[in-house]
Amino acid sequence: MNDFQRVLDTTERHLLTLRTAGVRFLSVQAETMSQLSGPPPVREIPTSLETPATVQIESPPESLSPPPSENLATDMAALRERAGACLKCPHLVKSRKNVVFGVGDIHAQLMFVGEAPGADEDAQGEPFVGAAGQLLTRIIKTMGLSRETVYIANILKCRPDTPGQSSGNRKPTGDEMKTCLPYLLAQIDLIRPKVLVALGVTAIEGLLGAGGGIGRLRGHFQTFRDIPLMPTFHPAYLLRNQALTEKRKVWEDMLKVMEKLQMPISEKQQGYFLQP
């Protein structure tokens, strides 16, 4: 994030805080308005330090969450409104039907983070409602929880556009993830869950900046913003691969999550998806 963008985001957060507090009008000097109407400042960058063509996921940008108020619901509603009006990715704005903000309990102890909305999610404005979402819902219920008692969100709030395709999805680009990630970070900062679950390699890349596949991280707790984070397979992977061994891997990850949350684990739950 460059200096200009950092100042812009800080200003937006401050204005959002003022609006939440009931402020509706501000006095602005004519000189300030004149400066704001011009193009953003351009800083020359030495050739040796130019950004490479291949985008790498770096450390996550700062959160967009305003200073916490005494009303979490108000803060989250303000963040939802801001995300819903976001125009930072014109190509995604042009193709989206809905901004898919998130769903669930804003006081949840457990938060799931996926990749990006698909066609079903884009149509309904809710994350994980397609086939993969139905499987995630079953996993959550098997843990003894429900969609209403956890929180579910994505790295991207808009469906990645697929020009020339009538169906299918594509992976978000690095630039798209870096642009949208502050909204997710704000959600995490407001909710402060006790455990995060990253579903699939894209969610892991977006949160941890880790590439090279999911195998070396899956099943091992990481730390993100001082919160334990469990990387695991995306439910869509389990739809493609029905092997009991793969289902068991994900379930063992969920058992570790339940243990971290100090949830009771029955003998029946311990035995799910074991080879006969």
C-alpha atoms as a PDB file:
ATOM      1  CA  MET A   1       0.000   0.000   0.000  1.00  0.00           C
ATOM      2  CA  ASN A   2       1.501   3.364  -1.014  1.00  0.00           C
ATOM      3  CA  ASP A   3       1.428   6.507   1.124  1.00  0.00           C
ATOM      4  CA  PHE A   4      -1.446   8.075  -0.802  1.00  0.00           C
ATOM      5  CA  GLN A   5      -3.636   4.971  -0.456  1.00  0.00           C
ATOM      6  CA  ARG A   6      -2.768   4.696   3.230  1.00  0.00           C
ATOM      7  CA  VAL A   7      -3.845   8.291   3.858  1.00  0.00           C
ATOM      8  CA  LEU A   8      -7.008   7.731   1.815  1.00  0.00           C
ATOM      9  CA  ASP A   9      -7.964   4.600   3.776  1.00  0.00           C
ATOM     10  CA  THR A  10      -7.236   6.335   7.085  1.00  0.00           C
ATOM     11  CA  THR A  11      -9.454   9.249   6.046  1.00  0.00           C
ATOM     12  CA  GLU A  12     -12.250   6.883   5.008  1.00  0.00           C
ATOM     13  CA  ARG A  13     -12.083   5.091   8.360  1.00  0.00           C
ATOM     14  CA  HIS A  14     -12.243   8.400  10.223  1.00  0.00           C
ATOM     15  CA  LEU A  15     -15.249   9.570   8.199  1.00  0.00           C
ATOM     16  CA  LEU A  16     -16.974   6.236   8.819  1.00  0.00           C
ATOM     17  CA  THR A  17     -16.396   6.654  12.557  1.00  0.00           C
ATOM     18  CA  LEU A  18     -17.859  10.159  12.465  1.00  0.00           C
ATOM     19  CA  ARG A  19     -20.895   8.941  10.538  1.00  0.00           C
ATOM     20  CA  THR A  20     -21.430   6.134  13.064  1.00  0.00           C
ATOM     21  CA  ALA A  21     -21.322   8.756  15.818  1.00  0.00           C
ATOM     22  CA  GLY A  22     -24.084  10.726  14.075  1.00  0.00           C
ATOM     23  CA  VAL A  23     -22.041  13.405  12.286  1.00  0.00           C
ATOM     24  CA  ARG A  24     -23.625  14.266   8.932  1.00  0.00           C
ATOM     25  CA  PHE A  25     -21.799  17.440   7.782  1.00  0.00           C
ATOM     26  CA  LEU A  26     -18.172  18.636   7.858  1.00  0.00           C
ATOM     27  CA  SER A  27     -16.613  22.015   7.113  1.00  0.00           C
ATOM     28  CA  VAL A  28     -13.895  21.773   4.447  1.00  0.00           C
ATOM     29  CA  GLN A  29     -11.714  24.665   3.298  1.00  0.00           C
ATOM     30  CA  ALA A  30     -11.785  25.615  -0.376  1.00  0.00           C
ATOM     31  CA  GLU A  31      -8.022  25.067  -0.659  1.00  0.00           C
ATOM     32  CA  THR A  32      -8.413  21.497   0.587  1.00  0.00           C
ATOM     33  CA  MET A  33     -11.188  20.792  -1.915  1.00  0.00           C
ATOM     34  CA  SER A  34      -9.003  22.174  -4.715  1.00  0.00           C
ATOM     35  CA  GLN A  35      -6.164  19.830  -3.766  1.00  0.00           C
ATOM     36  CA  LEU A  36      -8.482  16.847  -3.506  1.00  0.00           C
ATOM     37  CA  SER A  37      -9.889  17.491  -6.963  1.00  0.00           C
ATOM     38  CA  GLY A  38      -6.482  17.044  -8.563  1.00  0.00           C
ATOM     39  CA  PRO A  39      -4.751  13.763  -9.451  1.00  0.00           C
ATOM     40  CA  PRO A  40      -3.044  11.779  -6.689  1.00  0.00           C
ATOM     41  CA  PRO A  41       0.659  12.507  -6.219  1.00  0.00           C
ATOM     42  CA  VAL A  42       3.060  10.312  -8.149  1.00  0.00           C
ATOM     43  CA  ARG A  43       6.277   9.171  -6.506  1.00  0.00           C
ATOM     44  CA  GLU A  44       9.140   8.147  -8.726  1.00  0.00           C
ATOM     45  CA  ILE A  45      10.370   4.615  -8.064  1.00  0.00           C
ATOM     46  CA  PRO A  46      13.923   3.571  -9.002  1.00  0.00           C
ATOM     47  CA  THR A  47      14.008   0.983 -11.763  1.00  0.00           C
ATOM     48  CA  SER A  48      15.757  -1.521  -9.511  1.00  0.00           C
ATOM     49  CA  LEU A  49      12.832  -1.412  -7.077  1.00  0.00           C
ATOM     50  CA  GLU A  50       9.990  -1.680  -9.573  1.00  0.00           C
ATOM     51  CA  THR A  51       7.243  -4.138  -8.721  1.00  0.00           C
ATOM     52  CA  PRO A  52       7.709  -7.416 -10.635  1.00  0.00           C
ATOM     53  CA  ALA A  53       5.077  -8.462 -13.152  1.00  0.00           C
ATOM     54  CA  THR A  54       4.171 -11.541 -11.122  1.00  0.00           C
ATOM     55  CA  VAL A  55       2.133 -10.498  -8.105  1.00  0.00           C
ATOM     56  CA  GLN A  56       3.218 -12.069  -4.833  1.00  0.00           C
ATOM     57  CA  ILE A  57       0.983 -12.125  -1.769  1.00  0.00           C
ATOM     58  CA  GLU A  58       2.816 -10.038   0.808  1.00  0.00           C
ATOM     59  CA  SER A  59       1.976  -9.244   4.412  1.00  0.00           C
ATOM     60  CA  PRO A  60      -1.750  -8.462   4.703  1.00  0.00           C
ATOM     61  CA  PRO A  61      -2.829  -4.827   4.436  1.00  0.00           C
ATOM     62  CA  GLU A  62      -4.237  -3.074   7.434  1.00  0.00           C
ATOM     63  CA  SER A  63      -7.842  -3.604   8.468  1.00  0.00           C
ATOM     64  CA  LEU A  64     -10.596  -1.186   7.458  1.00  0.00           C
ATOM     65  CA  SER A  65     -12.387  -1.517  10.781  1.00  0.00           C
ATOM     66  CA  PRO A  66     -13.097   1.756  12.585  1.00  0.00           C
ATOM     67  CA  PRO A  67     -12.110   2.189  16.233  1.00  0.00           C
ATOM     68  CA  PRO A  68     -14.398  -0.178  18.159  1.00  0.00           C
ATOM     69  CA  SER A  69     -17.534   1.341  19.595  1.00  0.00           C
ATOM     70  CA  GLU A  70     -19.756  -0.029  22.311  1.00  0.00           C
ATOM     71  CA  ASN A  71     -22.051  -1.575  19.694  1.00  0.00           C
ATOM     72  CA  LEU A  72     -20.542  -4.386  17.647  1.00  0.00           C
ATOM     73  CA  ALA A  73     -23.673  -4.745  15.526  1.00  0.00           C
ATOM     74  CA  THR A  74     -23.463  -1.065  14.535  1.00  0.00           C
ATOM     75  CA  ASP A  75     -19.793  -1.384  13.595  1.00  0.00           C
ATOM     76  CA  MET A  76     -20.427  -4.506  11.537  1.00  0.00           C
ATOM     77  CA  ALA A  77     -23.417  -2.939   9.795  1.00  0.00           C
ATOM     78  CA  ALA A  78     -21.301   0.086   8.877  1.00  0.00           C
ATOM     79  CA  LEU A  79     -18.585  -2.197   7.498  1.00  0.00           C
ATOM     80  CA  ARG A  80     -21.170  -4.165   5.512  1.00  0.00           C
ATOM     81  CA  GLU A  81     -22.498  -0.927   4.042  1.00  0.00           C
ATOM     82  CA  ARG A  82     -19.010   0.143   3.061  1.00  0.00           C
ATOM     83  CA  ALA A  83     -18.211  -3.185   1.430  1.00  0.00           C
ATOM     84  CA  GLY A  84     -21.526  -3.120  -0.410  1.00  0.00           C
ATOM     85  CA  ALA A  85     -20.640   0.225  -1.968  1.00  0.00           C
ATOM     86  CA  CYS A  86     -17.064  -0.732  -2.877  1.00  0.00           C
ATOM     87  CA  LEU A  87     -16.005   0.146  -6.445  1.00  0.00           C
ATOM     88  CA  LYS A  88     -12.275  -0.613  -6.188  1.00  0.00           C
ATOM     89  CA  CYS A  89     -12.345  -3.452  -8.762  1.00  0.00           C
ATOM     90  CA  PRO A  90     -14.356  -2.079 -11.710  1.00  0.00           C
ATOM     91  CA  HIS A  91     -14.297  -5.376 -13.620  1.00  0.00           C
ATOM     92  CA  LEU A  92     -15.820  -7.198 -10.630  1.00  0.00           C
ATOM     93  CA  VAL A  93     -18.335  -4.435  -9.977  1.00  0.00           C
ATOM     94  CA  LYS A  94     -19.484  -4.691 -13.587  1.00  0.00           C
ATOM     95  CA  SER A  95     -20.146  -8.432 -13.433  1.00  0.00           C
ATOM     96  CA  ARG A  96     -21.369  -8.961  -9.860  1.00  0.00           C
ATOM     97  CA  LYS A  97     -24.994  -9.353  -8.850  1.00  0.00           C
ATOM     98  CA  ASN A  98     -24.367  -8.996  -5.119  1.00  0.00           C
ATOM     99  CA  VAL A  99     -21.560  -8.193  -2.727  1.00  0.00           C
ATOM    100  CA  VAL A 100     -21.219 -11.331  -0.584  1.00  0.00           C
ATOM    101  CA  PHE A 101     -20.229  -9.878   2.773  1.00  0.00           C
ATOM    102  CA  GLY A 102     -20.554 -12.716   5.283  1.00  0.00           C
ATOM    103  CA  VAL A 103     -23.087 -14.591   7.376  1.00  0.00           C
ATOM    104  CA  GLY A 104     -23.472 -15.900  10.899  1.00  0.00           C
ATOM    105  CA  ASP A 105     -23.018 -14.823  14.513  1.00  0.00           C
ATOM    106  CA  ILE A 106     -20.873 -11.692  14.924  1.00  0.00           C
ATOM    107  CA  HIS A 107     -20.065 -12.979  18.420  1.00  0.00           C
ATOM    108  CA  ALA A 108     -18.936 -16.380  17.092  1.00  0.00           C
ATOM    109  CA  GLN A 109     -15.994 -18.238  18.588  1.00  0.00           C
ATOM    110  CA  LEU A 110     -15.342 -19.991  15.250  1.00  0.00           C
ATOM    111  CA  MET A 111     -14.943 -18.318  11.852  1.00  0.00           C
ATOM    112  CA  PHE A 112     -14.561 -20.027   8.468  1.00  0.00           C
ATOM    113  CA  VAL A 113     -12.820 -18.227   5.599  1.00  0.00           C
ATOM    114  CA  GLY A 114     -13.200 -19.381   2.004  1.00  0.00           C
ATOM    115  CA  GLU A 115     -11.957 -18.198  -1.365  1.00  0.00           C
ATOM    116  CA  ALA A 116     -14.593 -16.184  -3.247  1.00  0.00           C
ATOM    117  CA  PRO A 117     -18.286 -16.326  -4.114  1.00  0.00           C
ATOM    118  CA  GLY A 118     -19.429 -18.645  -6.885  1.00  0.00           C
ATOM    119  CA  ALA A 119     -22.493 -18.238  -9.087  1.00  0.00           C
ATOM    120  CA  ASP A 120     -24.942 -19.369  -6.382  1.00  0.00           C
ATOM    121  CA  GLU A 121     -23.379 -17.112  -3.778  1.00  0.00           C
ATOM    122  CA  ASP A 122     -23.342 -14.155  -6.172  1.00  0.00           C
ATOM    123  CA  ALA A 123     -27.037 -14.689  -6.919  1.00  0.00           C
ATOM    124  CA  GLN A 124     -28.096 -15.025  -3.268  1.00  0.00           C
ATOM    125  CA  GLY A 125     -25.619 -12.634  -1.652  1.00  0.00           C
ATOM    126  CA  GLU A 126     -24.572 -15.232   0.944  1.00  0.00           C
ATOM    127  CA  PRO A 127     -21.333 -17.248   1.147  1.00  0.00           C
ATOM    128  CA  PHE A 128     -21.247 -21.028   0.802  1.00  0.00           C
ATOM    129  CA  VAL A 129     -24.784 -21.759  -0.373  1.00  0.00           C
ATOM    130  CA  GLY A 130     -23.928 -23.966  -3.389  1.00  0.00           C
ATOM    131  CA  ALA A 131     -22.924 -27.622  -3.300  1.00  0.00           C
ATOM    132  CA  ALA A 132     -19.669 -26.905  -1.454  1.00  0.00           C
ATOM    133  CA  GLY A 133     -21.574 -24.721   0.980  1.00  0.00           C
ATOM    134  CA  GLN A 134     -24.080 -27.449   1.694  1.00  0.00           C
ATOM    135  CA  LEU A 135     -21.207 -29.787   2.525  1.00  0.00           C
ATOM    136  CA  LEU A 136     -19.656 -27.156   4.799  1.00  0.00           C
ATOM    137  CA  THR A 137     -23.003 -26.812   6.562  1.00  0.00           C
ATOM    138  CA  ARG A 138     -23.054 -30.590   7.180  1.00  0.00           C
ATOM    139  CA  ILE A 139     -19.508 -30.454   8.562  1.00  0.00           C
ATOM    140  CA  ILE A 140     -20.492 -27.633  10.907  1.00  0.00           C
ATOM    141  CA  LYS A 141     -23.573 -29.556  12.078  1.00  0.00           C
ATOM    142  CA  THR A 142     -21.489 -32.684  12.646  1.00  0.00           C
ATOM    143  CA  MET A 143     -19.295 -30.595  14.950  1.00  0.00           C
ATOM    144  CA  GLY A 144     -22.411 -29.829  16.982  1.00  0.00           C
ATOM    145  CA  LEU A 145     -22.701 -26.259  15.697  1.00  0.00           C
ATOM    146  CA  SER A 146     -24.783 -24.478  13.062  1.00  0.00           C
ATOM    147  CA  ARG A 147     -24.369 -21.755  10.443  1.00  0.00           C
ATOM    148  CA  GLU A 148     -26.127 -19.439  12.877  1.00  0.00           C
ATOM    149  CA  THR A 149     -23.546 -19.996  15.636  1.00  0.00           C
ATOM    150  CA  VAL A 150     -20.377 -19.606  13.520  1.00  0.00           C
ATOM    151  CA  TYR A 151     -19.309 -16.893  11.069  1.00  0.00           C
ATOM    152  CA  ILE A 152     -18.557 -17.548   7.380  1.00  0.00           C
ATOM    153  CA  ALA A 153     -16.819 -15.175   4.982  1.00  0.00           C
ATOM    154  CA  ASN A 154     -14.497 -15.137   1.971  1.00  0.00           C
ATOM    155  CA  ILE A 155     -11.226 -13.525   0.932  1.00  0.00           C
ATOM    156  CA  LEU A 156     -13.121 -11.824  -1.931  1.00  0.00           C
ATOM    157  CA  LYS A 157     -16.531 -10.220  -1.481  1.00  0.00           C
ATOM    158  CA  CYS A 158     -17.320 -10.257  -5.216  1.00  0.00           C
ATOM    159  CA  ARG A 159     -17.419 -13.222  -7.580  1.00  0.00           C
ATOM    160  CA  PRO A 160     -14.323 -13.261  -9.835  1.00  0.00           C
ATOM    161  CA  ASP A 161     -15.522 -12.371 -13.315  1.00  0.00           C
ATOM    162  CA  THR A 162     -15.259 -15.005 -16.040  1.00  0.00           C
ATOM    163  CA  PRO A 163     -15.360 -13.162 -19.383  1.00  0.00           C
ATOM    164  CA  GLY A 164     -16.403 -15.392 -22.252  1.00  0.00           C
ATOM    165  CA  GLN A 165     -17.552 -18.179 -19.921  1.00  0.00           C
ATOM    166  CA  SER A 166     -21.166 -19.047 -19.236  1.00  0.00           C
ATOM    167  CA  SER A 167     -20.273 -21.130 -16.168  1.00  0.00           C
ATOM    168  CA  GLY A 168     -17.397 -22.072 -13.893  1.00  0.00           C
ATOM    169  CA  ASN A 169     -15.206 -20.117 -11.535  1.00  0.00           C
ATOM    170  CA  ARG A 170     -11.681 -18.776 -11.488  1.00  0.00           C
ATOM    171  CA  LYS A 171      -9.145 -18.170  -8.753  1.00  0.00           C
ATOM    172  CA  PRO A 172      -8.874 -14.557  -7.550  1.00  0.00           C
ATOM    173  CA  THR A 173      -5.737 -12.737  -8.628  1.00  0.00           C
ATOM    174  CA  GLY A 174      -3.190 -11.491  -6.129  1.00  0.00           C
ATOM    175  CA  ASP A 175      -4.196  -7.882  -6.775  1.00  0.00           C
ATOM    176  CA  GLU A 176      -7.880  -8.686  -6.234  1.00  0.00           C
ATOM    177  CA  MET A 177      -7.119 -10.396  -2.938  1.00  0.00           C
ATOM    178  CA  LYS A 178      -4.931  -7.559  -1.670  1.00  0.00           C
ATOM    179  CA  THR A 179      -7.589  -5.007  -2.610  1.00  0.00           C
ATOM    180  CA  CYS A 180     -10.441  -6.844  -0.892  1.00  0.00           C
ATOM    181  CA  LEU A 181      -8.617  -8.349   2.080  1.00  0.00           C
ATOM    182  CA  PRO A 182      -8.972  -5.279   4.354  1.00  0.00           C
ATOM    183  CA  TYR A 183     -12.725  -5.928   4.549  1.00  0.00           C
ATOM    184  CA  LEU A 184     -12.103  -9.459   5.812  1.00  0.00           C
ATOM    185  CA  LEU A 185      -9.467  -8.249   8.254  1.00  0.00           C
ATOM    186  CA  ALA A 186     -11.979  -5.756   9.607  1.00  0.00           C
ATOM    187  CA  GLN A 187     -14.514  -8.557  10.088  1.00  0.00           C
ATOM    188  CA  ILE A 188     -11.931 -10.627  11.953  1.00  0.00           C
ATOM    189  CA  ASP A 189     -10.933  -7.655  14.109  1.00  0.00           C
ATOM    190  CA  LEU A 190     -14.561  -6.957  15.016  1.00  0.00           C
ATOM    191  CA  ILE A 191     -15.599 -10.556  15.674  1.00  0.00           C
ATOM    192  CA  ARG A 192     -12.344 -11.673  17.321  1.00  0.00           C
ATOM    193  CA  PRO A 193     -13.112 -15.401  17.021  1.00  0.00           C
ATOM    194  CA  LYS A 194     -11.194 -17.842  19.175  1.00  0.00           C
ATOM    195  CA  VAL A 195     -10.333 -19.992  16.128  1.00  0.00           C
ATOM    196  CA  LEU A 196     -10.137 -19.367  12.376  1.00  0.00           C
ATOM    197  CA  VAL A 197     -10.423 -22.066   9.698  1.00  0.00           C
ATOM    198  CA  ALA A 198      -8.956 -21.333   6.249  1.00  0.00           C
ATOM    199  CA  LEU A 199     -10.748 -23.393   3.604  1.00  0.00           C
ATOM    200  CA  GLY A 200      -8.487 -24.205   0.667  1.00  0.00           C
ATOM    201  CA  VAL A 201      -5.229 -22.963  -0.770  1.00  0.00           C
ATOM    202  CA  THR A 202      -6.508 -19.538  -1.867  1.00  0.00           C
ATOM    203  CA  ALA A 203      -7.782 -18.685   1.607  1.00  0.00           C
ATOM    204  CA  ILE A 204      -4.449 -19.819   3.029  1.00  0.00           C
ATOM    205  CA  GLU A 205      -2.524 -17.680   0.535  1.00  0.00           C
ATOM    206  CA  GLY A 206      -4.730 -14.675   1.226  1.00  0.00           C
ATOM    207  CA  LEU A 207      -4.368 -14.888   5.000  1.00  0.00           C
ATOM    208  CA  LEU A 208      -0.895 -16.308   5.516  1.00  0.00           C
ATOM    209  CA  GLY A 209       0.841 -15.331   2.290  1.00  0.00           C
ATOM    210  CA  ALA A 210       1.877 -18.973   1.943  1.00  0.00           C
ATOM    211  CA  GLY A 211       2.142 -20.570  -1.481  1.00  0.00           C
ATOM    212  CA  GLY A 212       3.298 -23.912  -2.763  1.00  0.00           C
ATOM    213  CA  GLY A 213       0.251 -25.996  -1.969  1.00  0.00           C
ATOM    214  CA  ILE A 214      -1.778 -26.900   1.061  1.00  0.00           C
ATOM    215  CA  GLY A 215      -0.100 -30.178   1.993  1.00  0.00           C
ATOM    216  CA  ARG A 216       2.584 -28.829   4.312  1.00  0.00           C
ATOM    217  CA  LEU A 217       0.181 -26.590   6.292  1.00  0.00           C
ATOM    218  CA  ARG A 218      -3.041 -28.600   6.428  1.00  0.00           C
ATOM    219  CA  GLY A 219      -3.817 -29.961   9.858  1.00  0.00           C
ATOM    220  CA  HIS A 220      -1.295 -27.769  11.690  1.00  0.00           C
ATOM    221  CA  PHE A 221      -2.388 -24.697  13.615  1.00  0.00           C
ATOM    222  CA  GLN A 222      -0.908 -21.402  12.455  1.00  0.00           C
ATOM    223  CA  THR A 223      -1.317 -17.987  14.070  1.00  0.00           C
ATOM    224  CA  PHE A 224      -3.043 -15.079  12.352  1.00  0.00           C
ATOM    225  CA  ARG A 225      -3.591 -11.761  14.143  1.00  0.00           C
ATOM    226  CA  ASP A 226      -2.957 -13.623  17.425  1.00  0.00           C
ATOM    227  CA  ILE A 227      -5.729 -16.114  16.603  1.00  0.00           C
ATOM    228  CA  PRO A 228      -5.138 -19.864  16.073  1.00  0.00           C
ATOM    229  CA  LEU A 229      -5.803 -20.674  12.409  1.00  0.00           C
ATOM    230  CA  MET A 230      -6.412 -24.177  11.046  1.00  0.00           C
ATOM    231  CA  PRO A 231      -5.704 -24.634   7.309  1.00  0.00           C
ATOM    232  CA  THR A 232      -7.740 -27.420   5.722  1.00  0.00           C
ATOM    233  CA  PHE A 233      -9.131 -28.531   2.376  1.00  0.00           C
ATOM    234  CA  HIS A 234     -11.951 -26.626   0.726  1.00  0.00           C
ATOM    235  CA  PRO A 235     -15.281 -28.521   0.736  1.00  0.00           C
ATOM    236  CA  ALA A 236     -15.218 -28.419  -3.081  1.00  0.00           C
ATOM    237  CA  TYR A 237     -12.134 -30.648  -2.930  1.00  0.00           C
ATOM    238  CA  LEU A 238     -14.103 -33.257  -1.005  1.00  0.00           C
ATOM    239  CA  LEU A 239     -16.842 -33.129  -3.639  1.00  0.00           C
ATOM    240  CA  ARG A 240     -14.245 -33.989  -6.279  1.00  0.00           C
ATOM    241  CA  ASN A 241     -12.484 -36.580  -4.126  1.00  0.00           C
ATOM    242  CA  GLN A 242     -14.876 -38.834  -2.212  1.00  0.00           C
ATOM    243  CA  ALA A 243     -12.189 -41.029  -0.647  1.00  0.00           C
ATOM    244  CA  LEU A 244     -12.687 -41.741   3.052  1.00  0.00           C
ATOM    245  CA  THR A 245      -9.035 -40.919   3.660  1.00  0.00           C
ATOM    246  CA  GLU A 246      -9.532 -37.338   2.440  1.00  0.00           C
ATOM    247  CA  LYS A 247     -12.773 -36.885   4.378  1.00  0.00           C
ATOM    248  CA  ARG A 248     -10.995 -38.161   7.471  1.00  0.00           C
ATOM    249  CA  LYS A 249      -8.199 -35.608   7.038  1.00  0.00           C
ATOM    250  CA  VAL A 250     -10.663 -32.727   7.080  1.00  0.00           C
ATOM    251  CA  TRP A 251     -12.568 -34.246   9.965  1.00  0.00           C
ATOM    252  CA  GLU A 252      -9.375 -34.657  11.998  1.00  0.00           C
ATOM    253  CA  ASP A 253      -8.725 -30.960  11.398  1.00  0.00           C
ATOM    254  CA  MET A 254     -12.200 -30.176  12.733  1.00  0.00           C
ATOM    255  CA  LEU A 255     -11.595 -32.368  15.780  1.00  0.00           C
ATOM    256  CA  LYS A 256      -8.495 -30.291  16.509  1.00  0.00           C
ATOM    257  CA  VAL A 257     -10.587 -27.141  16.152  1.00  0.00           C
ATOM    258  CA  MET A 258     -13.197 -28.529  18.550  1.00  0.00           C
ATOM    259  CA  GLU A 259     -10.468 -29.440  21.019  1.00  0.00           C
ATOM    260  CA  LYS A 260      -8.977 -25.932  20.750  1.00  0.00           C
ATOM    261  CA  LEU A 261     -12.434 -24.502  21.500  1.00  0.00           C
ATOM    262  CA  GLN A 262     -12.784 -26.922  24.429  1.00  0.00           C
ATOM    263  CA  MET A 263     -15.914 -28.421  22.901  1.00  0.00           C
ATOM    264  CA  PRO A 264     -17.079 -31.873  24.026  1.00  0.00           C
ATOM    265  CA  ILE A 265     -16.156 -34.622  21.541  1.00  0.00           C
ATOM    266  CA  SER A 266     -18.171 -37.829  21.610  1.00  0.00           C
ATOM    267  CA  GLU A 267     -16.873 -41.286  20.787  1.00  0.00           C
ATOM    268  CA  LYS A 268     -19.117 -41.252  17.711  1.00  0.00           C
ATOM    269  CA  GLN A 269     -17.539 -38.003  16.514  1.00  0.00           C
ATOM    270  CA  GLN A 270     -14.065 -39.415  17.099  1.00  0.00           C
ATOM    271  CA  GLY A 271     -14.852 -42.342  14.788  1.00  0.00           C
ATOM    272  CA  TYR A 272     -16.251 -40.555  11.730  1.00  0.00           C
ATOM    273  CA  PHE A 273     -14.712 -41.507   8.352  1.00  0.00           C
ATOM    274  CA  LEU A 274     -12.323 -44.081   9.738  1.00  0.00           C
ATOM    275  CA  GLN A 275     -11.561 -46.992   7.422  1.00  0.00           C
ATOM    276  CA  PRO A 276     -13.751 -50.013   8.297  1.00  0.00           C
END
